[in-house]
Amino acid sequence: MAILDYSIKVASYNIHKAVGADKRRDPERILSVLDEIDADCVILQEADRRLGKRRAILPFDALTAHGYTYVPLSLRSCSLGWHGNAMLFRNFASCVGYERVRLPRLEPRGAIICDIKMKGRIWRFIGAHLDLSGLFRRRQVAFILDRLQNLPRDLPTVIMGDFNQWRKREGCLRLLPDEFSILPTGASFPANHPLVGLDRIITTPEIKWLECGVHNTPLARQASDHLPVWARLALSPVF
């Protein structure tokens, strides 16, 4: 008898606008890294150009060719995300709701909230790229947690992104409830010689993490200044 697998694989990746270690912008290289990871859902940071029309870094037709659908977060037809944050998911899943969140900021910052149905369950994903300022990072995490508490529907939640926070449970991460899990993915920055874990995956209590890590391959070390982080997750049977 076949054993059903209800676990999902998620990833977070600051793609640095697809500019790699060789200073070349190469979107196809980023897509190849996503193929290597083979996640069901991916949160991206720096997914759009910062200036001008803020065009998407990854071509829309190429995302489709690589098996991904994107959440329509952008207010511009040529952009992929909201303040550079984008959400990709596999074609077997579907988006049942999303929200753009403006964060307290020193420079323009935002977060995304996406409810994705897959394998018979609805998961909530929050993606963000937090400020370089420790003060504003704390304000931003507090704002995200407050918004999460006030959402009309309680769902198993995964928070992912570039937190710009070096140490676990320090700075802005100290604001997280004790029952939240900061997964031990490992050092993700800088990509060519990772020393610190700026990129984080955080889960609410009803989620079990089965395995997690940093996707450290020769291609990933060339494609961006960050390495992707990933995790395989499952829900408690009683949820």
Protein backbone atom coordinates (compact mmCIF):
# COMPACT_ATOMS: atom_id res chain seq x y z
CA MET A 1 0.00 0.00 0.00
CA ALA A 2 1.32 3.44 -0.90
CA ILE A 3 2.30 5.71 2.00
CA LEU A 4 0.98 9.23 1.63
CA ASP A 5 3.51 12.00 2.26
CA TYR A 6 1.89 15.11 3.68
CA SER A 7 5.17 16.88 4.38
CA ILE A 8 6.18 19.94 2.39
CA LYS A 9 9.55 21.40 1.48
CA VAL A 10 9.96 25.17 1.80
CA ALA A 11 12.84 27.52 1.05
CA SER A 12 13.87 31.15 1.47
CA TYR A 13 16.32 32.77 -0.92
CA ASN A 14 17.71 36.29 -1.20
CA ILE A 15 18.57 36.23 -4.89
CA HIS A 16 20.44 39.59 -4.83
CA LYS A 17 18.62 40.62 -8.02
CA ALA A 18 20.34 37.62 -9.69
CA VAL A 19 23.77 39.30 -9.50
CA GLY A 20 26.27 36.59 -8.64
CA ALA A 21 29.82 36.33 -7.38
CA ASP A 22 31.09 37.13 -10.87
CA LYS A 23 29.09 40.44 -10.83
CA ARG A 24 26.92 39.21 -13.71
CA ARG A 25 23.12 39.28 -13.59
CA ASP A 26 22.01 35.77 -14.55
CA PRO A 27 18.34 34.92 -13.84
CA GLU A 28 18.66 31.47 -15.40
CA ARG A 29 21.34 30.62 -12.84
CA ILE A 30 18.91 31.46 -10.03
CA LEU A 31 16.25 29.29 -11.65
CA SER A 32 18.76 26.43 -11.85
CA VAL A 33 19.42 26.78 -8.11
CA LEU A 34 15.66 26.60 -7.50
CA ASP A 35 15.63 23.41 -9.57
CA GLU A 36 18.36 22.00 -7.32
CA ILE A 37 16.40 22.83 -4.17
CA ASP A 38 13.11 21.45 -5.59
CA ALA A 39 10.92 23.06 -2.93
CA ASP A 40 7.14 23.16 -2.92
CA CYS A 41 7.04 26.81 -1.81
CA VAL A 42 9.76 29.47 -2.01
CA ILE A 43 9.94 32.96 -0.54
CA LEU A 44 12.30 35.24 -2.49
CA GLN A 45 13.91 38.51 -1.47
CA GLU A 46 15.31 41.11 -3.89
CA ALA A 47 13.17 39.62 -6.63
CA ASP A 48 12.64 42.91 -8.50
CA ARG A 49 14.90 45.68 -9.66
CA ARG A 50 15.05 48.50 -7.16
CA LEU A 51 14.87 51.47 -9.53
CA GLY A 52 12.84 52.51 -12.54
CA LYS A 53 9.80 50.33 -13.23
CA ARG A 54 11.11 47.72 -10.77
CA ARG A 55 10.88 44.94 -13.31
CA ALA A 56 10.91 41.32 -12.17
CA ILE A 57 14.35 39.73 -12.18
CA LEU A 58 13.03 36.27 -13.09
CA PRO A 59 11.04 36.17 -16.36
CA PHE A 60 7.43 35.11 -15.81
CA ASP A 61 7.47 32.55 -18.63
CA ALA A 62 10.69 31.05 -17.23
CA LEU A 63 9.04 30.56 -13.84
CA THR A 64 6.25 28.65 -15.56
CA ALA A 65 8.77 26.55 -17.49
CA HIS A 66 10.47 25.63 -14.21
CA GLY A 67 7.18 24.52 -12.67
CA TYR A 68 6.35 27.50 -10.47
CA THR A 69 3.36 29.77 -10.08
CA TYR A 70 3.72 33.14 -8.36
CA VAL A 71 1.38 34.99 -6.02
CA PRO A 72 0.29 38.24 -7.75
CA LEU A 73 1.61 40.52 -5.01
CA SER A 74 2.90 43.35 -7.15
CA LEU A 75 0.95 46.51 -7.90
CA ARG A 76 2.92 46.75 -11.16
CA SER A 77 2.37 44.34 -14.04
CA CYS A 78 6.10 44.12 -14.70
CA SER A 79 7.11 43.28 -11.10
CA LEU A 80 7.06 39.96 -9.27
CA GLY A 81 6.87 40.94 -5.60
CA TRP A 82 6.09 43.51 -2.94
CA HIS A 83 9.15 45.51 -1.87
CA GLY A 84 11.17 42.74 -3.49
CA ASN A 85 9.47 39.91 -1.56
CA ALA A 86 7.90 37.26 -3.79
CA MET A 87 6.16 33.93 -3.25
CA LEU A 88 6.47 30.95 -5.59
CA PHE A 89 4.63 27.66 -5.31
CA ARG A 90 4.32 24.47 -7.31
CA ASN A 91 1.46 23.93 -9.72
CA PHE A 92 -0.21 21.30 -7.52
CA ALA A 93 -0.82 24.01 -4.86
CA SER A 94 -3.11 27.04 -4.95
CA CYS A 95 -3.15 30.46 -3.34
CA VAL A 96 -6.33 31.11 -1.33
CA GLY A 97 -5.43 34.57 -0.07
CA TYR A 98 -2.63 37.11 0.26
CA GLU A 99 -1.85 40.43 1.85
CA ARG A 100 0.74 43.15 1.40
CA VAL A 101 2.06 44.64 4.63
CA ARG A 102 3.86 47.98 4.95
CA LEU A 103 6.48 47.80 7.66
CA PRO A 104 7.87 50.53 9.91
CA ARG A 105 11.07 51.47 8.11
CA LEU A 106 14.16 53.57 7.75
CA GLU A 107 13.99 52.78 4.03
CA PRO A 108 11.00 51.30 2.16
CA ARG A 109 10.27 47.79 3.46
CA GLY A 110 7.33 45.43 3.29
CA ALA A 111 6.22 41.93 4.21
CA ILE A 112 3.93 39.47 2.45
CA ILE A 113 1.36 37.08 3.86
CA CYS A 114 0.24 34.24 1.60
CA ASP A 115 -2.18 31.41 2.41
CA ILE A 116 -1.37 28.40 0.25
CA LYS A 117 -3.39 25.20 -0.01
CA MET A 118 -1.44 22.04 -0.74
CA LYS A 119 -1.78 18.37 0.08
CA GLY A 120 -5.19 18.99 1.60
CA ARG A 121 -4.09 21.66 4.12
CA ILE A 122 -3.81 25.44 4.13
CA TRP A 123 -0.49 26.87 5.27
CA ARG A 124 0.28 30.51 6.00
CA PHE A 125 3.60 31.94 4.78
CA ILE A 126 5.03 35.27 5.82
CA GLY A 127 8.00 36.63 3.92
CA ALA A 128 10.12 39.65 4.76
CA HIS A 129 13.47 41.32 4.21
CA LEU A 130 14.18 43.24 7.39
CA ASP A 131 16.05 46.50 7.87
CA LEU A 132 19.78 46.93 8.42
CA SER A 133 18.96 48.96 11.54
CA GLY A 134 18.48 46.87 14.70
CA LEU A 135 15.92 49.33 16.03
CA PHE A 136 13.77 49.07 12.91
CA ARG A 137 14.19 45.27 12.75
CA ARG A 138 12.65 45.05 16.21
CA ARG A 139 9.80 47.35 15.20
CA GLN A 140 9.22 45.31 12.05
CA VAL A 141 9.10 41.96 13.84
CA ALA A 142 6.72 43.43 16.44
CA PHE A 143 4.51 44.73 13.62
CA ILE A 144 4.46 41.33 11.86
CA LEU A 145 3.59 39.49 15.09
CA ASP A 146 0.79 41.95 15.84
CA ARG A 147 -0.64 41.52 12.34
CA LEU A 148 -0.41 37.74 12.67
CA GLN A 149 -2.39 37.80 15.92
CA ASN A 150 -5.13 39.88 14.31
CA LEU A 151 -5.67 37.82 11.17
CA PRO A 152 -9.18 36.36 11.04
CA ARG A 153 -8.10 32.75 10.57
CA ASP A 154 -5.59 30.80 12.66
CA LEU A 155 -3.33 28.70 10.41
CA PRO A 156 -0.01 26.87 10.75
CA THR A 157 2.47 29.60 9.90
CA VAL A 158 5.97 29.69 8.45
CA ILE A 159 7.91 32.97 8.62
CA MET A 160 10.85 33.16 6.22
CA GLY A 161 13.24 35.73 4.89
CA ASP A 162 16.43 37.70 5.26
CA PHE A 163 16.29 38.96 8.83
CA ASN A 164 19.69 40.72 8.77
CA GLN A 165 20.08 39.37 12.31
CA TRP A 166 23.26 37.48 13.09
CA ARG A 167 22.53 35.62 16.30
CA LYS A 168 19.66 33.32 17.16
CA ARG A 169 17.26 34.66 19.81
CA GLU A 170 19.07 37.99 19.88
CA GLY A 171 17.90 41.41 18.73
CA CYS A 172 14.62 41.27 16.83
CA LEU A 173 14.42 37.48 17.22
CA ARG A 174 14.01 37.90 20.99
CA LEU A 175 10.52 39.23 20.30
CA LEU A 176 9.33 35.87 18.98
CA PRO A 177 7.10 33.86 21.33
CA ASP A 178 9.00 31.08 23.11
CA GLU A 179 6.84 28.44 21.46
CA PHE A 180 7.96 29.52 17.96
CA SER A 181 10.82 27.46 16.52
CA ILE A 182 13.79 29.13 14.82
CA LEU A 183 15.05 26.29 12.69
CA PRO A 184 18.79 25.50 12.86
CA THR A 185 19.35 25.87 9.13
CA GLY A 186 22.93 27.20 9.43
CA ALA A 187 25.10 29.98 8.06
CA SER A 188 23.92 31.40 4.72
CA PHE A 189 25.98 34.59 4.23
CA PRO A 190 28.23 35.40 2.47
CA ALA A 191 27.60 32.67 -0.07
CA ASN A 192 31.23 32.04 -1.00
CA HIS A 193 32.25 31.58 2.66
CA PRO A 194 29.14 31.48 4.88
CA LEU A 195 29.72 32.75 8.39
CA VAL A 196 26.35 34.01 9.68
CA GLY A 197 22.72 32.92 9.48
CA LEU A 198 20.99 36.03 8.19
CA ASP A 199 18.33 33.94 6.45
CA ARG A 200 15.76 32.32 8.73
CA ILE A 201 12.87 29.88 8.77
CA ILE A 202 10.56 30.18 11.78
CA THR A 203 7.52 27.99 12.52
CA THR A 204 4.54 28.07 14.84
CA PRO A 205 4.07 25.25 17.41
CA GLU A 206 1.74 23.00 15.40
CA ILE A 207 4.46 22.50 12.75
CA LYS A 208 7.14 19.83 13.08
CA TRP A 209 10.39 20.28 11.22
CA LEU A 210 11.71 17.00 9.87
CA GLU A 211 14.96 18.27 8.38
CA CYS A 212 16.48 21.60 7.40
CA GLY A 213 19.69 23.14 6.12
CA VAL A 214 21.50 25.54 3.85
CA HIS A 215 21.62 24.72 0.15
CA ASN A 216 25.37 25.01 -0.39
CA THR A 217 26.36 23.89 -3.88
CA PRO A 218 28.90 25.26 -6.38
CA LEU A 219 26.08 26.82 -8.40
CA ALA A 220 24.42 28.41 -5.35
CA ARG A 221 27.76 29.90 -4.25
CA GLN A 222 28.01 31.63 -7.62
CA ALA A 223 24.40 32.70 -8.16
CA SER A 224 23.86 35.21 -5.30
CA ASP A 225 25.59 36.67 -2.25
CA HIS A 226 23.23 34.60 -0.03
CA LEU A 227 22.73 30.85 0.05
CA PRO A 228 19.16 29.54 0.17
CA VAL A 229 17.85 27.96 3.37
CA TRP A 230 15.31 25.14 3.29
CA ALA A 231 13.24 22.88 5.53
CA ARG A 232 10.93 19.89 5.28
CA LEU A 233 7.87 20.43 7.45
CA ALA A 234 4.84 18.47 8.60
CA LEU A 235 1.78 19.21 10.69
CA SER A 236 0.95 17.59 13.99
CA PRO A 237 -1.65 14.81 13.44
CA VAL A 238 -4.07 16.56 15.80
CA PHE A 239 -4.05 19.84 13.87
